[in-house]
Protein backbone atom coordinates (compact mmCIF):
# COMPACT_ATOMS: atom_id res chain seq x y z
CA MET A 1 -0.48 33.22 -10.94
CA GLY A 2 2.12 34.93 -13.08
CA LEU A 3 4.75 32.23 -12.54
CA ARG A 4 6.17 30.22 -15.39
CA LEU A 5 5.61 26.56 -14.63
CA THR A 6 9.23 25.48 -14.94
CA LYS A 7 10.27 22.12 -13.55
CA ASP A 8 11.45 23.73 -10.29
CA VAL A 9 8.26 25.77 -9.91
CA ARG A 10 6.11 22.67 -10.56
CA GLN A 11 7.99 20.76 -7.87
CA THR A 12 7.61 23.64 -5.40
CA LEU A 13 3.86 23.74 -6.09
CA LEU A 14 3.59 20.00 -5.54
CA ASP A 15 5.59 20.21 -2.30
CA GLU A 16 3.57 23.17 -0.95
CA ASN A 17 0.21 21.60 -1.81
CA GLU A 18 0.73 18.20 -0.18
CA GLY A 19 -2.67 16.60 0.44
CA PHE A 20 -4.56 18.61 -2.20
CA THR A 21 -7.32 16.56 -3.85
CA THR A 22 -9.85 17.24 -6.57
CA SER A 23 -11.98 15.26 -9.01
CA THR A 24 -13.26 15.65 -12.55
CA TYR A 25 -16.12 13.87 -14.27
CA TYR A 26 -16.74 13.35 -17.98
CA LYS A 27 -19.73 11.69 -19.60
CA ASP A 28 -20.43 11.07 -23.27
CA LYS A 29 -22.75 8.76 -25.18
CA ASN A 30 -20.65 5.59 -24.77
CA PHE A 31 -18.13 6.63 -22.14
CA ARG A 32 -17.98 7.97 -18.62
CA GLU A 33 -14.99 8.65 -16.42
CA GLN A 34 -14.23 10.07 -13.01
CA ARG A 35 -10.67 11.13 -12.31
CA ASP A 36 -9.46 11.68 -8.79
CA TYR A 37 -6.25 13.66 -8.34
CA ARG A 38 -4.16 13.90 -5.18
CA ILE A 39 -0.79 15.44 -4.45
CA GLU A 40 1.25 13.14 -2.25
CA ASP A 41 4.99 12.81 -1.63
CA GLY A 42 5.76 15.60 -4.12
CA LYS A 43 3.97 13.82 -6.98
CA LEU A 44 0.57 14.00 -8.67
CA HIS A 45 -1.33 10.73 -8.32
CA VAL A 46 -4.25 10.01 -10.65
CA ARG A 47 -7.03 7.44 -10.36
CA SER A 48 -9.33 6.95 -13.34
CA ARG A 49 -12.57 5.00 -12.96
CA GLY A 50 -15.31 4.55 -15.48
CA LYS A 51 -17.19 2.57 -18.05
CA THR A 52 -17.19 2.24 -21.82
CA SER A 53 -19.71 0.66 -24.19
CA TRP A 54 -17.67 -2.53 -24.58
CA ALA A 55 -18.73 -5.79 -22.90
CA ASP A 56 -15.85 -5.83 -20.38
CA SER A 57 -16.21 -2.13 -19.97
CA HIS A 58 -15.38 -1.13 -16.41
CA PHE A 59 -11.95 0.25 -15.63
CA ASP A 60 -10.14 1.43 -12.53
CA ASP A 61 -6.53 2.55 -13.08
CA GLU A 62 -4.00 4.46 -10.98
CA TRP A 63 -0.71 6.06 -11.94
CA VAL A 64 1.73 8.83 -11.10
CA ALA A 65 1.40 11.65 -13.60
CA ASP A 66 4.32 12.37 -15.91
CA GLU A 67 5.77 15.88 -16.26
CA GLU A 68 3.45 16.89 -19.11
CA GLU A 69 0.28 15.73 -17.34
CA THR A 70 1.45 17.38 -14.11
CA HIS A 71 2.07 20.66 -15.95
CA ARG A 72 -1.43 20.62 -17.49
CA PHE A 73 -2.99 19.83 -14.09
CA LEU A 74 -1.12 22.59 -12.25
CA TYR A 75 -1.97 25.14 -14.94
CA LYS A 76 -5.65 24.18 -14.94
CA HIS A 77 -5.92 24.27 -11.13
CA LYS A 78 -3.57 27.18 -10.45
CA ASP A 79 -6.32 29.25 -8.82
CA GLU A 80 -7.00 26.51 -6.26
CA LEU A 81 -3.39 25.94 -5.21
CA ILE A 82 -1.19 27.66 -2.62
CA TYR A 83 1.84 29.37 -4.15
């Protein structure tokens, strides 16, 4: 993809890839995390689940990605998206 990921281009990619989902997994000595990404309603939704080494260590959080996080995601996954 030779496009510059301007704000308008990012929004077009989000709109054209409605329903796209993917996951990432990271594991380290005292930390593990699975992130599920989905494009819905023109926004990137993120769910992060995992465990740390602390006593109350499980987490399960969801949020809508900000512009910077969306930019990084679209750049990283540009070969999987329709444009």
